[in-house]
Each structure stands twice: as structure tokens, then as C-alpha cells.
Amino acid sequence: MVTEGLATAEQSGARAELYRVKGDLLMIKDPGNAAEAERCLRTATDVACRQGAKFFELRATVSLARLLKREGKMEEAAQMLAEIYARFTEGFDTAELKDAKALLDELTA
């Protein structure tokens, strides 16, 4: 269903979020297929960035950082997450930014 949604949402703001969901689902369904999950999550961050959808870029980056953390790539995960987190100037009381900050703190501890 997500793949069908991606085809439909090719030009909409939902495209990045659908790639993120697909990547998250792949991590749950088939943890051994981290490469495909990572590809989806990197696509999600790229699409969101090109669309100027900072919120969706944050969500995709958090998911990607979690995957990279699981693979032991702590520095890469921390750097990516720190870069997107630093671009926010408000909304720090939202669940998404709180989640990003908690993960960033884990990665840099």
C-alpha cells in the first residue's frame, strides 16, 4: 500500500512522509534489510529538503539516525540530526523536537 501511495504522491508533500513510513516499516518487518530501509529514509530526507518541508525532514532524519545508531554509525547519525535540529528556532515543546533532542543526547553522550 505504501508503494502505491508513493506513486500517487510523487509530486505532493506527502511523498517524503511515505518514504519515511516505508523505511520505518522495513526496519520493523525485515531488520536484516537495513540497506533498503536506509535507502527509503535517505530518499525521504532528500525529498523533504528539496520541498522545504523541514518538519518532514526532521522526522525522516530521526528515523534514519535510529537506523544508523543500530548499525553503530553514531557519529554520522549525530551529525545529521544535529544539523536539522539546529535549523529549528521554535516548537521545542513539540513531541517531534523533544524526540529528536532525546536521540541527539543519546548519540552524543
N, C-alpha and C. Protein backbone atom coordinates (compact mmCIF):
# COMPACT_ATOMS: atom_id res chain seq x y z
N MET A 1 0.82 -1.19 0.00
CA MET A 1 0.00 0.00 0.00
C MET A 1 0.86 1.26 0.00
N VAL A 2 1.96 1.22 0.78
CA VAL A 2 2.83 2.40 0.83
C VAL A 2 3.44 2.65 -0.53
N THR A 3 3.84 1.58 -1.23
CA THR A 3 4.42 1.74 -2.56
C THR A 3 3.42 2.38 -3.52
N GLU A 4 2.16 1.96 -3.44
CA GLU A 4 1.12 2.57 -4.27
C GLU A 4 0.93 4.04 -3.90
N GLY A 5 0.97 4.33 -2.60
CA GLY A 5 0.83 5.72 -2.15
C GLY A 5 1.97 6.58 -2.66
N LEU A 6 3.18 6.02 -2.70
CA LEU A 6 4.32 6.77 -3.22
C LEU A 6 4.12 7.14 -4.68
N ALA A 7 3.58 6.22 -5.44
CA ALA A 7 3.33 6.51 -6.85
C ALA A 7 2.31 7.64 -7.00
N THR A 8 1.28 7.63 -6.17
CA THR A 8 0.24 8.65 -6.22
C THR A 8 0.75 9.99 -5.73
N ALA A 9 1.60 9.97 -4.74
CA ALA A 9 2.06 11.20 -4.09
C ALA A 9 3.36 11.73 -4.67
N GLU A 10 3.73 11.30 -5.85
CA GLU A 10 5.02 11.66 -6.45
C GLU A 10 5.30 13.16 -6.40
N GLN A 11 4.31 13.99 -6.61
CA GLN A 11 4.54 15.43 -6.65
C GLN A 11 3.99 16.18 -5.43
N SER A 12 3.54 15.47 -4.43
CA SER A 12 2.94 16.15 -3.28
C SER A 12 3.86 16.14 -2.07
N GLY A 13 3.51 16.90 -1.06
CA GLY A 13 4.27 16.94 0.17
C GLY A 13 4.24 15.64 0.93
N ALA A 14 3.30 14.79 0.63
CA ALA A 14 3.18 13.51 1.33
C ALA A 14 4.26 12.53 0.90
N ARG A 15 4.92 12.79 -0.19
CA ARG A 15 5.91 11.85 -0.73
C ARG A 15 7.02 11.55 0.27
N ALA A 16 7.59 12.56 0.89
CA ALA A 16 8.68 12.35 1.85
C ALA A 16 8.19 11.53 3.04
N GLU A 17 7.01 11.84 3.51
CA GLU A 17 6.48 11.12 4.67
C GLU A 17 6.22 9.65 4.33
N LEU A 18 5.76 9.38 3.13
CA LEU A 18 5.53 7.99 2.72
C LEU A 18 6.83 7.21 2.63
N TYR A 19 7.89 7.84 2.13
CA TYR A 19 9.19 7.16 2.12
C TYR A 19 9.66 6.88 3.54
N ARG A 20 9.42 7.83 4.45
CA ARG A 20 9.81 7.61 5.85
C ARG A 20 9.05 6.44 6.44
N VAL A 21 7.75 6.40 6.21
CA VAL A 21 6.93 5.30 6.73
C VAL A 21 7.40 3.97 6.15
N LYS A 22 7.69 3.95 4.85
CA LYS A 22 8.16 2.72 4.23
C LYS A 22 9.48 2.27 4.87
N GLY A 23 10.39 3.19 5.09
CA GLY A 23 11.66 2.86 5.74
C GLY A 23 11.45 2.33 7.15
N ASP A 24 10.58 2.99 7.91
CA ASP A 24 10.30 2.53 9.27
C ASP A 24 9.69 1.13 9.27
N LEU A 25 8.76 0.90 8.34
CA LEU A 25 8.11 -0.42 8.26
C LEU A 25 9.11 -1.50 7.85
N LEU A 26 10.01 -1.17 6.95
CA LEU A 26 11.04 -2.14 6.56
C LEU A 26 11.93 -2.50 7.75
N MET A 27 12.26 -1.51 8.59
CA MET A 27 13.08 -1.80 9.77
C MET A 27 12.37 -2.75 10.72
N ILE A 28 11.06 -2.62 10.81
CA ILE A 28 10.27 -3.48 11.70
C ILE A 28 10.07 -4.85 11.06
N LYS A 29 9.65 -4.86 9.82
CA LYS A 29 9.30 -6.11 9.13
C LYS A 29 10.52 -6.98 8.84
N ASP A 30 11.60 -6.35 8.41
CA ASP A 30 12.78 -7.10 7.98
C ASP A 30 14.05 -6.38 8.43
N PRO A 31 14.39 -6.49 9.72
CA PRO A 31 15.57 -5.78 10.24
C PRO A 31 16.86 -6.12 9.50
N GLY A 32 16.90 -7.27 8.84
CA GLY A 32 18.08 -7.65 8.08
C GLY A 32 18.21 -6.89 6.77
N ASN A 33 17.17 -6.20 6.37
CA ASN A 33 17.19 -5.44 5.12
C ASN A 33 17.40 -3.96 5.41
N ALA A 34 18.41 -3.67 6.19
CA ALA A 34 18.68 -2.30 6.59
C ALA A 34 19.05 -1.42 5.39
N ALA A 35 19.64 -2.01 4.37
CA ALA A 35 20.06 -1.21 3.21
C ALA A 35 18.85 -0.60 2.50
N GLU A 36 17.79 -1.36 2.33
CA GLU A 36 16.60 -0.84 1.67
C GLU A 36 15.91 0.19 2.56
N ALA A 37 15.86 -0.08 3.86
CA ALA A 37 15.27 0.88 4.79
C ALA A 37 16.06 2.19 4.76
N GLU A 38 17.37 2.08 4.76
CA GLU A 38 18.22 3.27 4.71
C GLU A 38 18.00 4.05 3.42
N ARG A 39 17.86 3.34 2.30
CA ARG A 39 17.62 4.00 1.02
C ARG A 39 16.31 4.80 1.06
N CYS A 40 15.27 4.19 1.63
CA CYS A 40 13.98 4.89 1.74
C CYS A 40 14.10 6.12 2.64
N LEU A 41 14.79 5.98 3.75
CA LEU A 41 14.90 7.09 4.70
C LEU A 41 15.76 8.23 4.13
N ARG A 42 16.81 7.88 3.41
CA ARG A 42 17.63 8.93 2.77
C ARG A 42 16.82 9.64 1.68
N THR A 43 16.02 8.87 0.95
CA THR A 43 15.15 9.48 -0.05
C THR A 43 14.16 10.42 0.62
N ALA A 44 13.61 10.00 1.74
CA ALA A 44 12.65 10.83 2.48
C ALA A 44 13.29 12.15 2.90
N THR A 45 14.51 12.10 3.41
CA THR A 45 15.17 13.33 3.84
C THR A 45 15.47 14.22 2.64
N ASP A 46 15.92 13.62 1.53
CA ASP A 46 16.23 14.40 0.33
C ASP A 46 14.99 15.08 -0.24
N VAL A 47 13.90 14.32 -0.34
CA VAL A 47 12.66 14.86 -0.88
C VAL A 47 12.15 16.00 0.00
N ALA A 48 12.13 15.77 1.30
CA ALA A 48 11.65 16.81 2.23
C ALA A 48 12.51 18.06 2.14
N CYS A 49 13.81 17.88 2.03
CA CYS A 49 14.71 19.03 1.92
C CYS A 49 14.43 19.81 0.64
N ARG A 50 14.31 19.12 -0.48
CA ARG A 50 14.02 19.79 -1.76
C ARG A 50 12.68 20.53 -1.73
N GLN A 51 11.72 19.99 -0.98
CA GLN A 51 10.40 20.61 -0.90
C GLN A 51 10.35 21.70 0.16
N GLY A 52 11.42 21.85 0.93
CA GLY A 52 11.43 22.83 2.01
C GLY A 52 10.52 22.43 3.16
N ALA A 53 10.29 21.14 3.29
CA ALA A 53 9.41 20.60 4.34
C ALA A 53 10.26 20.19 5.54
N LYS A 54 10.65 21.19 6.31
CA LYS A 54 11.58 20.98 7.42
C LYS A 54 11.06 19.98 8.45
N PHE A 55 9.78 20.04 8.75
CA PHE A 55 9.18 19.12 9.72
C PHE A 55 9.32 17.67 9.25
N PHE A 56 9.00 17.41 7.97
CA PHE A 56 9.11 16.06 7.43
C PHE A 56 10.57 15.64 7.31
N GLU A 57 11.44 16.58 7.04
CA GLU A 57 12.87 16.28 7.01
C GLU A 57 13.36 15.87 8.39
N LEU A 58 12.89 16.56 9.42
CA LEU A 58 13.25 16.19 10.78
C LEU A 58 12.79 14.76 11.10
N ARG A 59 11.54 14.46 10.80
CA ARG A 59 11.00 13.13 11.09
C ARG A 59 11.80 12.04 10.38
N ALA A 60 12.12 12.27 9.11
CA ALA A 60 12.89 11.28 8.35
C ALA A 60 14.31 11.15 8.90
N THR A 61 14.90 12.26 9.29
CA THR A 61 16.25 12.23 9.84
C THR A 61 16.29 11.51 11.18
N VAL A 62 15.27 11.68 12.00
CA VAL A 62 15.21 10.95 13.27
C VAL A 62 15.15 9.44 13.00
N SER A 63 14.32 9.04 12.05
CA SER A 63 14.23 7.61 11.72
C SER A 63 15.57 7.10 11.19
N LEU A 64 16.19 7.86 10.29
CA LEU A 64 17.48 7.46 9.74
C LEU A 64 18.54 7.40 10.83
N ALA A 65 18.54 8.36 11.73
CA ALA A 65 19.51 8.37 12.83
C ALA A 65 19.34 7.13 13.71
N ARG A 66 18.11 6.71 13.94
CA ARG A 66 17.88 5.50 14.73
C ARG A 66 18.46 4.27 14.02
N LEU A 67 18.26 4.20 12.72
CA LEU A 67 18.81 3.09 11.95
C LEU A 67 20.33 3.10 11.99
N LEU A 68 20.92 4.26 11.78
CA LEU A 68 22.38 4.37 11.82
C LEU A 68 22.92 4.04 13.20
N LYS A 69 22.22 4.43 14.23
CA LYS A 69 22.62 4.10 15.60
C LYS A 69 22.66 2.59 15.78
N ARG A 70 21.64 1.91 15.27
CA ARG A 70 21.60 0.44 15.36
C ARG A 70 22.76 -0.20 14.63
N GLU A 71 23.23 0.45 13.57
CA GLU A 71 24.36 -0.07 12.79
C GLU A 71 25.71 0.39 13.34
N GLY A 72 25.70 1.12 14.45
CA GLY A 72 26.93 1.56 15.07
C GLY A 72 27.54 2.81 14.45
N LYS A 73 26.80 3.50 13.61
CA LYS A 73 27.29 4.71 12.94
C LYS A 73 26.84 5.94 13.73
N MET A 74 27.30 6.01 14.96
CA MET A 74 26.85 7.04 15.89
C MET A 74 27.22 8.45 15.43
N GLU A 75 28.45 8.63 14.95
CA GLU A 75 28.89 9.97 14.55
C GLU A 75 28.07 10.51 13.39
N GLU A 76 27.86 9.67 12.38
CA GLU A 76 27.07 10.10 11.22
C GLU A 76 25.65 10.46 11.65
N ALA A 77 25.07 9.61 12.49
CA ALA A 77 23.71 9.85 12.97
C ALA A 77 23.64 11.16 13.75
N ALA A 78 24.59 11.38 14.65
CA ALA A 78 24.59 12.60 15.46
C ALA A 78 24.77 13.83 14.61
N GLN A 79 25.66 13.77 13.63
CA GLN A 79 25.92 14.93 12.78
C GLN A 79 24.68 15.30 11.98
N MET A 80 24.04 14.32 11.36
CA MET A 80 22.84 14.61 10.56
C MET A 80 21.73 15.18 11.42
N LEU A 81 21.53 14.58 12.57
CA LEU A 81 20.45 15.02 13.44
C LEU A 81 20.73 16.41 14.01
N ALA A 82 21.98 16.66 14.37
CA ALA A 82 22.34 17.98 14.90
C ALA A 82 22.11 19.07 13.85
N GLU A 83 22.41 18.77 12.59
CA GLU A 83 22.24 19.76 11.53
C GLU A 83 20.78 20.15 11.35
N ILE A 84 19.89 19.20 11.31
CA ILE A 84 18.48 19.53 11.11
C ILE A 84 17.90 20.16 12.38
N TYR A 85 18.28 19.65 13.53
CA TYR A 85 17.77 20.18 14.80
C TYR A 85 18.15 21.66 14.95
N ALA A 86 19.35 22.02 14.54
CA ALA A 86 19.83 23.39 14.69
C ALA A 86 19.07 24.37 13.80
N ARG A 87 18.40 23.87 12.78
CA ARG A 87 17.64 24.74 11.88
C ARG A 87 16.30 25.18 12.47
N PHE A 88 15.91 24.60 13.58
CA PHE A 88 14.65 24.98 14.21
C PHE A 88 14.89 26.10 15.21
N THR A 89 13.97 27.06 15.22
CA THR A 89 14.08 28.19 16.14
C THR A 89 12.91 28.25 17.10
N GLU A 90 11.93 27.40 16.86
CA GLU A 90 10.75 27.36 17.73
C GLU A 90 10.15 25.96 17.67
N GLY A 91 9.17 25.73 18.51
CA GLY A 91 8.48 24.44 18.53
C GLY A 91 9.17 23.38 19.36
N PHE A 92 10.06 23.81 20.23
CA PHE A 92 10.84 22.85 21.01
C PHE A 92 10.01 22.08 22.02
N ASP A 93 8.75 22.48 22.20
CA ASP A 93 7.87 21.74 23.11
C ASP A 93 7.05 20.69 22.36
N THR A 94 7.25 20.56 21.04
CA THR A 94 6.52 19.54 20.27
C THR A 94 7.16 18.17 20.49
N ALA A 95 6.35 17.15 20.31
CA ALA A 95 6.83 15.77 20.52
C ALA A 95 7.99 15.44 19.57
N GLU A 96 7.92 15.91 18.34
CA GLU A 96 8.95 15.59 17.36
C GLU A 96 10.30 16.18 17.74
N LEU A 97 10.31 17.44 18.16
CA LEU A 97 11.58 18.06 18.54
C LEU A 97 12.09 17.52 19.88
N LYS A 98 11.20 17.19 20.78
CA LYS A 98 11.63 16.56 22.04
C LYS A 98 12.27 15.20 21.75
N ASP A 99 11.64 14.44 20.86
CA ASP A 99 12.17 13.13 20.47
C ASP A 99 13.53 13.28 19.81
N ALA A 100 13.66 14.24 18.91
CA ALA A 100 14.93 14.48 18.23
C ALA A 100 16.02 14.86 19.23
N LYS A 101 15.68 15.72 20.17
CA LYS A 101 16.66 16.15 21.18
C LYS A 101 17.09 14.99 22.06
N ALA A 102 16.15 14.15 22.47
CA ALA A 102 16.49 12.99 23.31
C ALA A 102 17.43 12.05 22.55
N LEU A 103 17.15 11.79 21.28
CA LEU A 103 18.00 10.93 20.48
C LEU A 103 19.37 11.57 20.27
N LEU A 104 19.41 12.85 20.02
CA LEU A 104 20.66 13.55 19.86
C LEU A 104 21.51 13.47 21.12
N ASP A 105 20.87 13.62 22.27
CA ASP A 105 21.58 13.49 23.54
C ASP A 105 22.15 12.09 23.72
N GLU A 106 21.40 11.06 23.32
CA GLU A 106 21.90 9.67 23.38
C GLU A 106 23.12 9.49 22.49
N LEU A 107 23.05 10.06 21.29
CA LEU A 107 24.12 9.88 20.31
C LEU A 107 25.40 10.61 20.69
N THR A 108 25.26 11.67 21.45
CA THR A 108 26.45 12.49 21.79
C THR A 108 26.93 12.25 23.21
N ALA A 109 26.29 11.35 23.92
CA ALA A 109 26.69 11.09 25.32
C ALA A 109 27.96 10.27 25.40
